[in-house]
């Protein structure tokens, strides 16, 4: 490894400017710089060259991956391309970072992990929302014990509206389905605010009852059972005319509900207020790319390991299988 990690980005689409965001994060982080950007659209690589005049640009991932001067590649592509391009990247002798979600199926996630191990290369997933202040605050509240032992967690990202039919995120074969958009964030949050192991997943889907010209489902719900008598109920919908709080958590001695810039907390413990509001607090320590650099240069532990990202895919993949079979699906790993 060179003194400076030479990074690249595959995917420079205009939506959300995520490719530019990754390249900028590399440029602003000590120990890594972006040296190459790839997109199949020449107009987008022309834009990339304007944004970062020093980089080499490519219109083929094969051409970029043939460049031995690149150490690490961040993949910012539609969801169905994450696994094949990550595997190709790892087999080319480069470290790989995939945008979230890691991939679509549990089998793909496992193949990615096995490929990284076989090539002795790093694999990570850009679960940057583990740095969101509301997530970090909620995690701290739960771990403080103020509500006792959590037993029921409800989460939702629901609204009523027709998805854009001309966007790949509305196409199930590309996106993975409705649960793979916000679910990549919500389920990762869920699995990182608690330490309980998953036991099984039950899924419920409503498919094209309203938006019959959209291949993504209209509505998805996953019930996740954990050890310690803990149940999580996660809902994603385009046909929910009424909503509810993003978070509602019940514990043996209290409850938490998301508010406006804070969490409302109720507690039955004698040393705690009956009711209080706790404002968001940011996550201390290194940023995502700072951690990547520290891992590759100093051997420090990854904050976002590929195994932790595979847990998210397990919930989404098993929820869909359960919805089809009408059977609860057991989690096949020690999560």
C-alpha atoms as a PDB file:
ATOM      1  CA  UNK A   1       0.000   0.000   0.000  1.00  0.00           C
ATOM      2  CA  UNK A   2       1.281   3.437  -0.962  1.00  0.00           C
ATOM      3  CA  UNK A   3       1.637   6.130   1.698  1.00  0.00           C
ATOM      4  CA  UNK A   4      -1.515   7.681   0.249  1.00  0.00           C
ATOM      5  CA  UNK A   5      -4.379   5.318  -0.553  1.00  0.00           C
ATOM      6  CA  UNK A   6      -5.356   5.877  -4.170  1.00  0.00           C
ATOM      7  CA  UNK A   7      -9.130   5.738  -4.378  1.00  0.00           C
ATOM      8  CA  UNK A   8     -11.559   5.608  -7.272  1.00  0.00           C
ATOM      9  CA  UNK A   9     -15.306   5.914  -7.756  1.00  0.00           C
ATOM     10  CA  UNK A  10     -17.402   3.831 -10.138  1.00  0.00           C
ATOM     11  CA  UNK A  11     -20.683   5.641 -10.797  1.00  0.00           C
ATOM     12  CA  UNK A  12     -21.004   9.407 -11.128  1.00  0.00           C
ATOM     13  CA  UNK A  13     -24.729   9.763 -11.753  1.00  0.00           C
ATOM     14  CA  UNK A  14     -26.428  13.091 -11.215  1.00  0.00           C
ATOM     15  CA  UNK A  15     -29.079  11.881  -8.754  1.00  0.00           C
ATOM     16  CA  UNK A  16     -28.046  12.974  -5.258  1.00  0.00           C
ATOM     17  CA  UNK A  17     -24.473  13.509  -6.601  1.00  0.00           C
ATOM     18  CA  UNK A  18     -23.395  10.528  -4.533  1.00  0.00           C
ATOM     19  CA  UNK A  19     -20.331   9.831  -6.690  1.00  0.00           C
ATOM     20  CA  UNK A  20     -19.175  13.394  -6.222  1.00  0.00           C
ATOM     21  CA  UNK A  21     -19.814  13.072  -2.508  1.00  0.00           C
ATOM     22  CA  UNK A  22     -17.535  10.049  -2.230  1.00  0.00           C
ATOM     23  CA  UNK A  23     -14.800  11.637  -4.307  1.00  0.00           C
ATOM     24  CA  UNK A  24     -15.013  14.787  -2.153  1.00  0.00           C
ATOM     25  CA  UNK A  25     -14.866  12.718   1.044  1.00  0.00           C
ATOM     26  CA  UNK A  26     -11.702  11.026  -0.191  1.00  0.00           C
ATOM     27  CA  UNK A  27     -10.138  14.364  -1.089  1.00  0.00           C
ATOM     28  CA  UNK A  28     -10.907  15.852   2.308  1.00  0.00           C
ATOM     29  CA  UNK A  29      -9.624  12.884   4.326  1.00  0.00           C
ATOM     30  CA  UNK A  30      -5.935  12.607   5.225  1.00  0.00           C
ATOM     31  CA  UNK A  31      -4.311   9.487   3.847  1.00  0.00           C
ATOM     32  CA  UNK A  32      -6.518   8.969   0.818  1.00  0.00           C
ATOM     33  CA  UNK A  33      -7.154  10.779  -2.440  1.00  0.00           C
ATOM     34  CA  UNK A  34      -9.448  10.166  -5.389  1.00  0.00           C
ATOM     35  CA  UNK A  35      -7.397   9.486  -8.513  1.00  0.00           C
ATOM     36  CA  UNK A  36      -9.988   8.015 -10.899  1.00  0.00           C
ATOM     37  CA  UNK A  37     -13.708   8.235 -11.674  1.00  0.00           C
ATOM     38  CA  UNK A  38     -15.747   5.974 -13.956  1.00  0.00           C
ATOM     39  CA  UNK A  39     -19.211   6.330 -15.457  1.00  0.00           C
ATOM     40  CA  UNK A  40     -20.681   4.795 -18.619  1.00  0.00           C
ATOM     41  CA  UNK A  41     -22.056   8.219 -19.613  1.00  0.00           C
ATOM     42  CA  UNK A  42     -19.349  10.443 -21.182  1.00  0.00           C
ATOM     43  CA  UNK A  43     -21.281  13.533 -20.100  1.00  0.00           C
ATOM     44  CA  UNK A  44     -20.975  12.457 -16.471  1.00  0.00           C
ATOM     45  CA  UNK A  45     -17.235  11.794 -16.725  1.00  0.00           C
ATOM     46  CA  UNK A  46     -16.857  15.206 -18.361  1.00  0.00           C
ATOM     47  CA  UNK A  47     -18.608  16.668 -15.328  1.00  0.00           C
ATOM     48  CA  UNK A  48     -16.338  14.641 -13.043  1.00  0.00           C
ATOM     49  CA  UNK A  49     -13.297  16.080 -14.809  1.00  0.00           C
ATOM     50  CA  UNK A  50     -14.632  19.593 -14.234  1.00  0.00           C
ATOM     51  CA  UNK A  51     -15.221  18.800 -10.557  1.00  0.00           C
ATOM     52  CA  UNK A  52     -11.860  17.067 -10.061  1.00  0.00           C
ATOM     53  CA  UNK A  53      -9.443  18.128 -12.847  1.00  0.00           C
ATOM     54  CA  UNK A  54      -6.622  15.919 -11.555  1.00  0.00           C
ATOM     55  CA  UNK A  55      -8.472  12.559 -11.856  1.00  0.00           C
ATOM     56  CA  UNK A  56      -8.320  10.027 -14.673  1.00  0.00           C
ATOM     57  CA  UNK A  57     -11.746   9.287 -16.091  1.00  0.00           C
ATOM     58  CA  UNK A  58     -13.079   6.077 -17.591  1.00  0.00           C
ATOM     59  CA  UNK A  59     -16.286   4.998 -19.315  1.00  0.00           C
ATOM     60  CA  UNK A  60     -15.726   1.317 -18.572  1.00  0.00           C
ATOM     61  CA  UNK A  61     -15.287  -0.333 -15.195  1.00  0.00           C
ATOM     62  CA  UNK A  62     -13.025  -2.924 -16.839  1.00  0.00           C
ATOM     63  CA  UNK A  63     -10.653  -0.157 -17.911  1.00  0.00           C
ATOM     64  CA  UNK A  64     -10.573   1.433 -14.468  1.00  0.00           C
ATOM     65  CA  UNK A  65     -10.007  -1.899 -12.717  1.00  0.00           C
ATOM     66  CA  UNK A  66      -7.071  -2.610 -15.035  1.00  0.00           C
ATOM     67  CA  UNK A  67      -5.312   0.442 -13.590  1.00  0.00           C
ATOM     68  CA  UNK A  68      -2.755  -0.890 -11.103  1.00  0.00           C
ATOM     69  CA  UNK A  69      -2.358   2.600  -9.629  1.00  0.00           C
ATOM     70  CA  UNK A  70      -5.780   2.311  -7.947  1.00  0.00           C
ATOM     71  CA  UNK A  71      -5.873   0.754  -4.456  1.00  0.00           C
ATOM     72  CA  UNK A  72      -9.531   1.109  -3.480  1.00  0.00           C
ATOM     73  CA  UNK A  73     -12.804   1.451  -5.396  1.00  0.00           C
ATOM     74  CA  UNK A  74     -16.095   2.823  -4.108  1.00  0.00           C
ATOM     75  CA  UNK A  75     -19.111   1.514  -6.045  1.00  0.00           C
ATOM     76  CA  UNK A  76     -21.993   3.956  -6.506  1.00  0.00           C
ATOM     77  CA  UNK A  77     -24.300   2.063  -8.870  1.00  0.00           C
ATOM     78  CA  UNK A  78     -27.863   0.704  -8.949  1.00  0.00           C
ATOM     79  CA  UNK A  79     -28.367  -1.942  -6.294  1.00  0.00           C
ATOM     80  CA  UNK A  80     -28.304  -4.971  -8.591  1.00  0.00           C
ATOM     81  CA  UNK A  81     -24.777  -4.049  -9.733  1.00  0.00           C
ATOM     82  CA  UNK A  82     -23.212  -3.768  -6.287  1.00  0.00           C
ATOM     83  CA  UNK A  83     -22.347  -7.449  -5.922  1.00  0.00           C
ATOM     84  CA  UNK A  84     -20.939  -8.190  -9.408  1.00  0.00           C
ATOM     85  CA  UNK A  85     -18.825  -5.026  -9.556  1.00  0.00           C
ATOM     86  CA  UNK A  86     -17.590  -5.462  -5.983  1.00  0.00           C
ATOM     87  CA  UNK A  87     -16.568  -9.038  -6.719  1.00  0.00           C
ATOM     88  CA  UNK A  88     -14.827  -7.928  -9.914  1.00  0.00           C
ATOM     89  CA  UNK A  89     -13.061  -5.176  -7.967  1.00  0.00           C
ATOM     90  CA  UNK A  90     -11.851  -7.554  -5.264  1.00  0.00           C
ATOM     91  CA  UNK A  91     -10.663 -10.082  -7.830  1.00  0.00           C
ATOM     92  CA  UNK A  92      -8.678  -7.325  -9.531  1.00  0.00           C
ATOM     93  CA  UNK A  93      -6.663  -6.933  -6.332  1.00  0.00           C
ATOM     94  CA  UNK A  94      -8.343  -3.785  -5.026  1.00  0.00           C
ATOM     95  CA  UNK A  95     -10.210  -2.996  -1.836  1.00  0.00           C
ATOM     96  CA  UNK A  96     -13.937  -2.376  -2.305  1.00  0.00           C
ATOM     97  CA  UNK A  97     -16.576  -0.171  -0.733  1.00  0.00           C
ATOM     98  CA  UNK A  98     -20.178  -0.593  -1.840  1.00  0.00           C
ATOM     99  CA  UNK A  99     -22.865   1.992  -1.443  1.00  0.00           C
ATOM    100  CA  UNK A 100     -25.814   0.802   0.595  1.00  0.00           C
ATOM    101  CA  UNK A 101     -27.568  -1.565   0.378  1.00  0.00           C
ATOM    102  CA  UNK A 102     -24.658  -3.974   0.156  1.00  0.00           C
ATOM    103  CA  UNK A 103     -26.445  -6.000  -2.539  1.00  0.00           C
ATOM    104  CA  UNK A 104     -29.859  -7.647  -3.013  1.00  0.00           C
ATOM    105  CA  UNK A 105     -29.600 -11.244  -1.820  1.00  0.00           C
ATOM    106  CA  UNK A 106     -28.023 -12.955   1.147  1.00  0.00           C
ATOM    107  CA  UNK A 107     -26.184 -15.274  -1.240  1.00  0.00           C
ATOM    108  CA  UNK A 108     -24.634 -12.257  -2.984  1.00  0.00           C
ATOM    109  CA  UNK A 109     -23.521 -10.798   0.341  1.00  0.00           C
ATOM    110  CA  UNK A 110     -21.839 -14.038   1.325  1.00  0.00           C
ATOM    111  CA  UNK A 111     -20.136 -14.298  -2.066  1.00  0.00           C
ATOM    112  CA  UNK A 112     -18.784 -10.766  -1.663  1.00  0.00           C
ATOM    113  CA  UNK A 113     -17.397 -11.565   1.789  1.00  0.00           C
ATOM    114  CA  UNK A 114     -15.821 -14.814   0.633  1.00  0.00           C
ATOM    115  CA  UNK A 115     -14.233 -13.065  -2.373  1.00  0.00           C
ATOM    116  CA  UNK A 116     -12.721 -10.379  -0.124  1.00  0.00           C
ATOM    117  CA  UNK A 117     -11.247 -13.039   2.165  1.00  0.00           C
ATOM    118  CA  UNK A 118      -9.903 -15.078  -0.755  1.00  0.00           C
ATOM    119  CA  UNK A 119      -8.079 -12.012  -2.091  1.00  0.00           C
ATOM    120  CA  UNK A 120      -7.022 -10.667   1.338  1.00  0.00           C
ATOM    121  CA  UNK A 121      -8.743  -7.374   0.543  1.00  0.00           C
ATOM    122  CA  UNK A 122     -10.962  -5.072   2.556  1.00  0.00           C
ATOM    123  CA  UNK A 123     -14.702  -4.978   1.884  1.00  0.00           C
ATOM    124  CA  UNK A 124     -16.976  -2.420   3.519  1.00  0.00           C
ATOM    125  CA  UNK A 125     -20.372  -0.828   2.910  1.00  0.00           C
ATOM    126  CA  UNK A 126     -21.077   2.895   3.107  1.00  0.00           C
ATOM    127  CA  UNK A 127     -23.523   2.791   6.003  1.00  0.00           C
ATOM    128  CA  UNK A 128     -22.792   6.433   6.719  1.00  0.00           C
ATOM    129  CA  UNK A 129     -26.057   6.871   8.587  1.00  0.00           C
ATOM    130  CA  UNK A 130     -24.485   5.177  11.557  1.00  0.00           C
ATOM    131  CA  UNK A 131     -23.062   8.668  12.058  1.00  0.00           C
ATOM    132  CA  UNK A 132     -26.524  10.324  12.096  1.00  0.00           C
ATOM    133  CA  UNK A 133     -27.084  12.126  15.364  1.00  0.00           C
ATOM    134  CA  UNK A 134     -30.607  10.753  15.927  1.00  0.00           C
ATOM    135  CA  UNK A 135     -29.372   7.158  15.559  1.00  0.00           C
ATOM    136  CA  UNK A 136     -26.399   7.721  17.830  1.00  0.00           C
ATOM    137  CA  UNK A 137     -28.566   9.433  20.453  1.00  0.00           C
ATOM    138  CA  UNK A 138     -31.163   6.660  20.383  1.00  0.00           C
ATOM    139  CA  UNK A 139     -28.464   4.030  20.760  1.00  0.00           C
ATOM    140  CA  UNK A 140     -27.129   5.843  23.803  1.00  0.00           C
ATOM    141  CA  UNK A 141     -30.569   6.150  25.400  1.00  0.00           C
ATOM    142  CA  UNK A 142     -31.250   2.434  25.041  1.00  0.00           C
ATOM    143  CA  UNK A 143     -27.825   1.424  26.294  1.00  0.00           C
ATOM    144  CA  UNK A 144     -28.207   3.711  29.323  1.00  0.00           C
ATOM    145  CA  UNK A 145     -30.941   1.399  30.631  1.00  0.00           C
ATOM    146  CA  UNK A 146     -33.393   4.245  31.216  1.00  0.00           C
ATOM    147  CA  UNK A 147     -36.299   2.235  29.755  1.00  0.00           C
ATOM    148  CA  UNK A 148     -35.117  -1.118  31.054  1.00  0.00           C
ATOM    149  CA  UNK A 149     -34.865  -3.994  28.593  1.00  0.00           C
ATOM    150  CA  UNK A 150     -36.442  -3.207  25.178  1.00  0.00           C
ATOM    151  CA  UNK A 151     -39.118  -5.702  24.178  1.00  0.00           C
ATOM    152  CA  UNK A 152     -40.915  -4.029  21.242  1.00  0.00           C
ATOM    153  CA  UNK A 153     -39.462  -1.774  18.544  1.00  0.00           C
ATOM    154  CA  UNK A 154     -41.619  -0.167  15.850  1.00  0.00           C
ATOM    155  CA  UNK A 155     -40.121   1.698  12.887  1.00  0.00           C
ATOM    156  CA  UNK A 156     -41.706   3.103   9.758  1.00  0.00           C
ATOM    157  CA  UNK A 157     -40.916   4.977   6.564  1.00  0.00           C
ATOM    158  CA  UNK A 158     -44.373   5.302   5.081  1.00  0.00           C
ATOM    159  CA  UNK A 159     -46.331   7.686   2.912  1.00  0.00           C
ATOM    160  CA  UNK A 160     -48.968   7.663   0.170  1.00  0.00           C
ATOM    161  CA  UNK A 161     -47.858   8.456  -3.347  1.00  0.00           C
ATOM    162  CA  UNK A 162     -46.986   6.981  -6.719  1.00  0.00           C
ATOM    163  CA  UNK A 163     -43.267   6.300  -7.166  1.00  0.00           C
ATOM    164  CA  UNK A 164     -41.510   7.706 -10.208  1.00  0.00           C
ATOM    165  CA  UNK A 165     -42.025   5.064 -12.935  1.00  0.00           C
ATOM    166  CA  UNK A 166     -39.042   6.338 -14.924  1.00  0.00           C
ATOM    167  CA  UNK A 167     -36.476   5.854 -12.164  1.00  0.00           C
ATOM    168  CA  UNK A 168     -34.547   2.638 -11.572  1.00  0.00           C
ATOM    169  CA  UNK A 169     -35.348   2.821  -7.872  1.00  0.00           C
ATOM    170  CA  UNK A 170     -38.947   1.956  -8.790  1.00  0.00           C
ATOM    171  CA  UNK A 171     -37.911  -1.145 -10.765  1.00  0.00           C
ATOM    172  CA  UNK A 172     -37.760  -4.241  -8.582  1.00  0.00           C
ATOM    173  CA  UNK A 173     -35.252  -6.149 -10.714  1.00  0.00           C
ATOM    174  CA  UNK A 174     -32.789  -3.283 -10.290  1.00  0.00           C
ATOM    175  CA  UNK A 175     -33.609  -1.841  -6.867  1.00  0.00           C
ATOM    176  CA  UNK A 176     -34.543  -5.041  -5.045  1.00  0.00           C
ATOM    177  CA  UNK A 177     -37.966  -3.689  -4.109  1.00  0.00           C
ATOM    178  CA  UNK A 178     -39.539  -1.144  -1.792  1.00  0.00           C
ATOM    179  CA  UNK A 179     -37.737  -2.400   1.316  1.00  0.00           C
ATOM    180  CA  UNK A 180     -34.278  -1.867  -0.214  1.00  0.00           C
ATOM    181  CA  UNK A 181     -34.436   1.929  -0.293  1.00  0.00           C
ATOM    182  CA  UNK A 182     -35.088   3.318   3.178  1.00  0.00           C
ATOM    183  CA  UNK A 183     -34.765  -0.198   4.554  1.00  0.00           C
ATOM    184  CA  UNK A 184     -31.020  -0.048   3.972  1.00  0.00           C
ATOM    185  CA  UNK A 185     -30.920   2.757   6.564  1.00  0.00           C
ATOM    186  CA  UNK A 186     -33.654   1.719   8.987  1.00  0.00           C
ATOM    187  CA  UNK A 187     -32.686  -1.918   9.330  1.00  0.00           C
ATOM    188  CA  UNK A 188     -29.032  -1.004   9.810  1.00  0.00           C
ATOM    189  CA  UNK A 189     -30.081   1.405  12.561  1.00  0.00           C
ATOM    190  CA  UNK A 190     -32.232  -1.281  14.160  1.00  0.00           C
ATOM    191  CA  UNK A 191     -29.441  -3.842  14.193  1.00  0.00           C
ATOM    192  CA  UNK A 192     -27.015  -1.357  15.750  1.00  0.00           C
ATOM    193  CA  UNK A 193     -29.124   0.066  18.566  1.00  0.00           C
ATOM    194  CA  UNK A 194     -29.465  -3.357  20.200  1.00  0.00           C
ATOM    195  CA  UNK A 195     -27.097  -6.254  20.824  1.00  0.00           C
ATOM    196  CA  UNK A 196     -29.650  -9.065  20.615  1.00  0.00           C
ATOM    197  CA  UNK A 197     -29.158 -11.855  18.088  1.00  0.00           C
ATOM    198  CA  UNK A 198     -31.696 -12.334  15.309  1.00  0.00           C
ATOM    199  CA  UNK A 199     -33.690 -15.570  15.324  1.00  0.00           C
ATOM    200  CA  UNK A 200     -36.116 -15.286  12.408  1.00  0.00           C
ATOM    201  CA  UNK A 201     -37.913 -12.931  10.030  1.00  0.00           C
ATOM    202  CA  UNK A 202     -41.549 -12.847   8.890  1.00  0.00           C
ATOM    203  CA  UNK A 203     -42.508 -10.715   5.893  1.00  0.00           C
ATOM    204  CA  UNK A 204     -45.802  -9.289   4.644  1.00  0.00           C
ATOM    205  CA  UNK A 205     -46.034  -7.652   1.215  1.00  0.00           C
ATOM    206  CA  UNK A 206     -48.810  -5.893  -0.722  1.00  0.00           C
ATOM    207  CA  UNK A 207     -47.816  -6.106  -4.354  1.00  0.00           C
ATOM    208  CA  UNK A 208     -49.132  -3.709  -7.026  1.00  0.00           C
ATOM    209  CA  UNK A 209     -52.635  -3.299  -5.633  1.00  0.00           C
ATOM    210  CA  UNK A 210     -52.528   0.456  -6.191  1.00  0.00           C
ATOM    211  CA  UNK A 211     -49.457   1.329  -8.266  1.00  0.00           C
ATOM    212  CA  UNK A 212     -49.893  -1.496 -10.779  1.00  0.00           C
ATOM    213  CA  UNK A 213     -47.489   0.080 -13.289  1.00  0.00           C
ATOM    214  CA  UNK A 214     -44.632   0.022 -10.751  1.00  0.00           C
ATOM    215  CA  UNK A 215     -42.760  -3.260 -10.270  1.00  0.00           C
ATOM    216  CA  UNK A 216     -41.718  -2.406  -6.706  1.00  0.00           C
ATOM    217  CA  UNK A 217     -44.179  -3.490  -4.063  1.00  0.00           C
ATOM    218  CA  UNK A 218     -46.719  -1.001  -2.717  1.00  0.00           C
ATOM    219  CA  UNK A 219     -46.147  -1.969   0.900  1.00  0.00           C
ATOM    220  CA  UNK A 220     -43.741  -4.150   2.873  1.00  0.00           C
ATOM    221  CA  UNK A 221     -43.549  -5.139   6.516  1.00  0.00           C
ATOM    222  CA  UNK A 222     -40.934  -7.213   8.305  1.00  0.00           C
ATOM    223  CA  UNK A 223     -41.285  -8.686  11.774  1.00  0.00           C
ATOM    224  CA  UNK A 224     -37.892  -9.576  13.208  1.00  0.00           C
ATOM    225  CA  UNK A 225     -37.643 -11.806  16.265  1.00  0.00           C
ATOM    226  CA  UNK A 226     -34.543 -11.518  18.443  1.00  0.00           C
ATOM    227  CA  UNK A 227     -33.387 -13.441  21.478  1.00  0.00           C
ATOM    228  CA  UNK A 228     -34.269 -11.924  24.831  1.00  0.00           C
ATOM    229  CA  UNK A 229     -37.998 -11.748  23.943  1.00  0.00           C
ATOM    230  CA  UNK A 230     -37.487  -8.771  21.631  1.00  0.00           C
ATOM    231  CA  UNK A 231     -39.620  -8.119  18.535  1.00  0.00           C
ATOM    232  CA  UNK A 232     -39.064  -5.425  15.885  1.00  0.00           C
ATOM    233  CA  UNK A 233     -41.823  -4.379  13.470  1.00  0.00           C
ATOM    234  CA  UNK A 234     -40.548  -2.421  10.440  1.00  0.00           C
ATOM    235  CA  UNK A 235     -42.865  -0.918   7.798  1.00  0.00           C
ATOM    236  CA  UNK A 236     -42.165   0.637   4.386  1.00  0.00           C
ATOM    237  CA  UNK A 237     -45.077   1.837   2.310  1.00  0.00           C
ATOM    238  CA  UNK A 238     -46.263   3.929  -0.631  1.00  0.00           C
ATOM    239  CA  UNK A 239     -49.928   3.365   0.334  1.00  0.00           C
ATOM    240  CA  UNK A 240     -49.978   4.463   3.989  1.00  0.00           C
ATOM    241  CA  UNK A 241     -52.412   7.356   4.118  1.00  0.00           C
ATOM    242  CA  UNK A 242     -51.662   7.989   7.777  1.00  0.00           C
ATOM    243  CA  UNK A 243     -48.239   7.633   9.319  1.00  0.00           C
ATOM    244  CA  UNK A 244     -46.775   7.623  12.753  1.00  0.00           C
ATOM    245  CA  UNK A 245     -43.504   8.251  14.549  1.00  0.00           C
ATOM    246  CA  UNK A 246     -40.303   6.997  12.957  1.00  0.00           C
ATOM    247  CA  UNK A 247     -39.439   5.240  16.212  1.00  0.00           C
ATOM    248  CA  UNK A 248     -41.535   3.804  19.030  1.00  0.00           C
ATOM    249  CA  UNK A 249     -39.705   1.610  21.532  1.00  0.00           C
ATOM    250  CA  UNK A 250     -41.209  -0.099  24.555  1.00  0.00           C
ATOM    251  CA  UNK A 251     -39.077  -1.373  27.405  1.00  0.00           C
ATOM    252  CA  UNK A 252     -39.693  -3.163  30.651  1.00  0.00           C
ATOM    253  CA  UNK A 253     -39.423   0.153  32.542  1.00  0.00           C
ATOM    254  CA  UNK A 254     -40.275   2.847  30.018  1.00  0.00           C
ATOM    255  CA  UNK A 255     -40.605   3.928  26.410  1.00  0.00           C
ATOM    256  CA  UNK A 256     -39.013   6.083  23.707  1.00  0.00           C
ATOM    257  CA  UNK A 257     -40.697   7.916  20.842  1.00  0.00           C
ATOM    258  CA  UNK A 258     -39.095  10.069  18.171  1.00  0.00           C
ATOM    259  CA  UNK A 259     -39.944  13.750  18.367  1.00  0.00           C
ATOM    260  CA  UNK A 260     -38.920  16.933  16.546  1.00  0.00           C
ATOM    261  CA  UNK A 261     -35.148  17.094  16.923  1.00  0.00           C
ATOM    262  CA  UNK A 262     -35.271  14.988  20.062  1.00  0.00           C
ATOM    263  CA  UNK A 263     -36.513  11.794  21.637  1.00  0.00           C
ATOM    264  CA  UNK A 264     -39.297  11.716  24.188  1.00  0.00           C
ATOM    265  CA  UNK A 265     -38.429   9.312  26.957  1.00  0.00           C
ATOM    266  CA  UNK A 266     -40.681   7.938  29.678  1.00  0.00           C
ATOM    267  CA  UNK A 267     -39.246   5.946  32.586  1.00  0.00           C
ATOM    268  CA  UNK A 268     -40.547   4.142  35.669  1.00  0.00           C
ATOM    269  CA  UNK A 269     -37.100   4.011  37.296  1.00  0.00           C
ATOM    270  CA  UNK A 270     -36.789   5.926  40.577  1.00  0.00           C
ATOM    271  CA  UNK A 271     -33.556   7.686  39.601  1.00  0.00           C
ATOM    272  CA  UNK A 272     -34.984   8.961  36.282  1.00  0.00           C
ATOM    273  CA  UNK A 273     -37.545  11.664  35.416  1.00  0.00           C
ATOM    274  CA  UNK A 274     -41.002  10.356  34.601  1.00  0.00           C
ATOM    275  CA  UNK A 275     -40.806  12.183  31.279  1.00  0.00           C
ATOM    276  CA  UNK A 276     -37.942  13.949  29.513  1.00  0.00           C
ATOM    277  CA  UNK A 277     -36.821  15.091  26.083  1.00  0.00           C
ATOM    278  CA  UNK A 278     -33.283  14.250  24.968  1.00  0.00           C
ATOM    279  CA  UNK A 279     -31.768  16.274  22.143  1.00  0.00           C
ATOM    280  CA  UNK A 280     -29.683  14.682  19.418  1.00  0.00           C
ATOM    281  CA  UNK A 281     -25.980  14.232  20.046  1.00  0.00           C
ATOM    282  CA  UNK A 282     -23.493  13.540  17.230  1.00  0.00           C
ATOM    283  CA  UNK A 283     -21.233  10.513  17.066  1.00  0.00           C
ATOM    284  CA  UNK A 284     -17.681  11.190  18.290  1.00  0.00           C
ATOM    285  CA  UNK A 285     -14.561   9.747  16.734  1.00  0.00           C
ATOM    286  CA  UNK A 286     -13.444   9.205  13.144  1.00  0.00           C
ATOM    287  CA  UNK A 287     -15.614   9.679  10.068  1.00  0.00           C
ATOM    288  CA  UNK A 288     -16.331   6.781   7.713  1.00  0.00           C
ATOM    289  CA  UNK A 289     -13.362   7.429   5.412  1.00  0.00           C
ATOM    290  CA  UNK A 290     -11.068   8.274   8.328  1.00  0.00           C
ATOM    291  CA  UNK A 291     -11.851   4.817   9.690  1.00  0.00           C
ATOM    292  CA  UNK A 292     -11.164   3.229   6.280  1.00  0.00           C
ATOM    293  CA  UNK A 293      -7.728   4.890   6.167  1.00  0.00           C
ATOM    294  CA  UNK A 294      -6.943   3.873   9.757  1.00  0.00           C
ATOM    295  CA  UNK A 295      -7.975   0.299   9.018  1.00  0.00           C
ATOM    296  CA  UNK A 296      -5.861  -0.030   5.875  1.00  0.00           C
ATOM    297  CA  UNK A 297      -2.813   1.851   7.152  1.00  0.00           C
ATOM    298  CA  UNK A 298      -2.787   0.956  10.846  1.00  0.00           C
ATOM    299  CA  UNK A 299      -4.944  -2.153  11.136  1.00  0.00           C
ATOM    300  CA  UNK A 300      -7.611  -0.461  13.252  1.00  0.00           C
ATOM    301  CA  UNK A 301     -10.985  -2.269  13.339  1.00  0.00           C
ATOM    302  CA  UNK A 302     -13.555  -1.441  10.674  1.00  0.00           C
ATOM    303  CA  UNK A 303     -16.613   0.335  11.985  1.00  0.00           C
ATOM    304  CA  UNK A 304     -18.746  -1.022   9.113  1.00  0.00           C
ATOM    305  CA  UNK A 305     -17.718  -4.619   8.590  1.00  0.00           C
ATOM    306  CA  UNK A 306     -19.133  -6.587   5.661  1.00  0.00           C
ATOM    307  CA  UNK A 307     -20.610  -9.092   8.098  1.00  0.00           C
ATOM    308  CA  UNK A 308     -22.598  -6.326   9.804  1.00  0.00           C
ATOM    309  CA  UNK A 309     -23.858  -5.124   6.412  1.00  0.00           C
ATOM    310  CA  UNK A 310     -24.876  -8.689   5.502  1.00  0.00           C
ATOM    311  CA  UNK A 311     -27.233  -8.688   8.498  1.00  0.00           C
ATOM    312  CA  UNK A 312     -29.228  -5.913   6.825  1.00  0.00           C
ATOM    313  CA  UNK A 313     -29.483  -7.900   3.600  1.00  0.00           C
ATOM    314  CA  UNK A 314     -30.571 -10.964   5.584  1.00  0.00           C
ATOM    315  CA  UNK A 315     -33.611  -9.143   6.973  1.00  0.00           C
ATOM    316  CA  UNK A 316     -34.662  -7.772   3.577  1.00  0.00           C
ATOM    317  CA  UNK A 317     -34.038 -10.994   1.646  1.00  0.00           C
ATOM    318  CA  UNK A 318     -35.710 -13.243   4.229  1.00  0.00           C
ATOM    319  CA  UNK A 319     -38.703 -10.889   4.559  1.00  0.00           C
ATOM    320  CA  UNK A 320     -39.446 -11.281   0.851  1.00  0.00           C
ATOM    321  CA  UNK A 321     -39.002 -15.057   0.970  1.00  0.00           C
ATOM    322  CA  UNK A 322     -41.340 -15.237   3.949  1.00  0.00           C
ATOM    323  CA  UNK A 323     -43.959 -13.119   2.188  1.00  0.00           C
ATOM    324  CA  UNK A 324     -43.937 -15.574  -0.722  1.00  0.00           C
ATOM    325  CA  UNK A 325     -43.979 -18.777   1.334  1.00  0.00           C
ATOM    326  CA  UNK A 326     -46.211 -17.481   4.163  1.00  0.00           C
ATOM    327  CA  UNK A 327     -43.688 -19.061   6.507  1.00  0.00           C
ATOM    328  CA  UNK A 328     -41.290 -17.522   9.002  1.00  0.00           C
ATOM    329  CA  UNK A 329     -37.699 -17.724   7.750  1.00  0.00           C
ATOM    330  CA  UNK A 330     -34.859 -18.603  10.131  1.00  0.00           C
ATOM    331  CA  UNK A 331     -31.688 -16.525  10.039  1.00  0.00           C
ATOM    332  CA  UNK A 332     -28.910 -18.781   8.703  1.00  0.00           C
ATOM    333  CA  UNK A 333     -25.979 -17.095  10.448  1.00  0.00           C
ATOM    334  CA  UNK A 334     -25.021 -16.333  14.029  1.00  0.00           C
ATOM    335  CA  UNK A 335     -26.190 -12.737  13.829  1.00  0.00           C
END
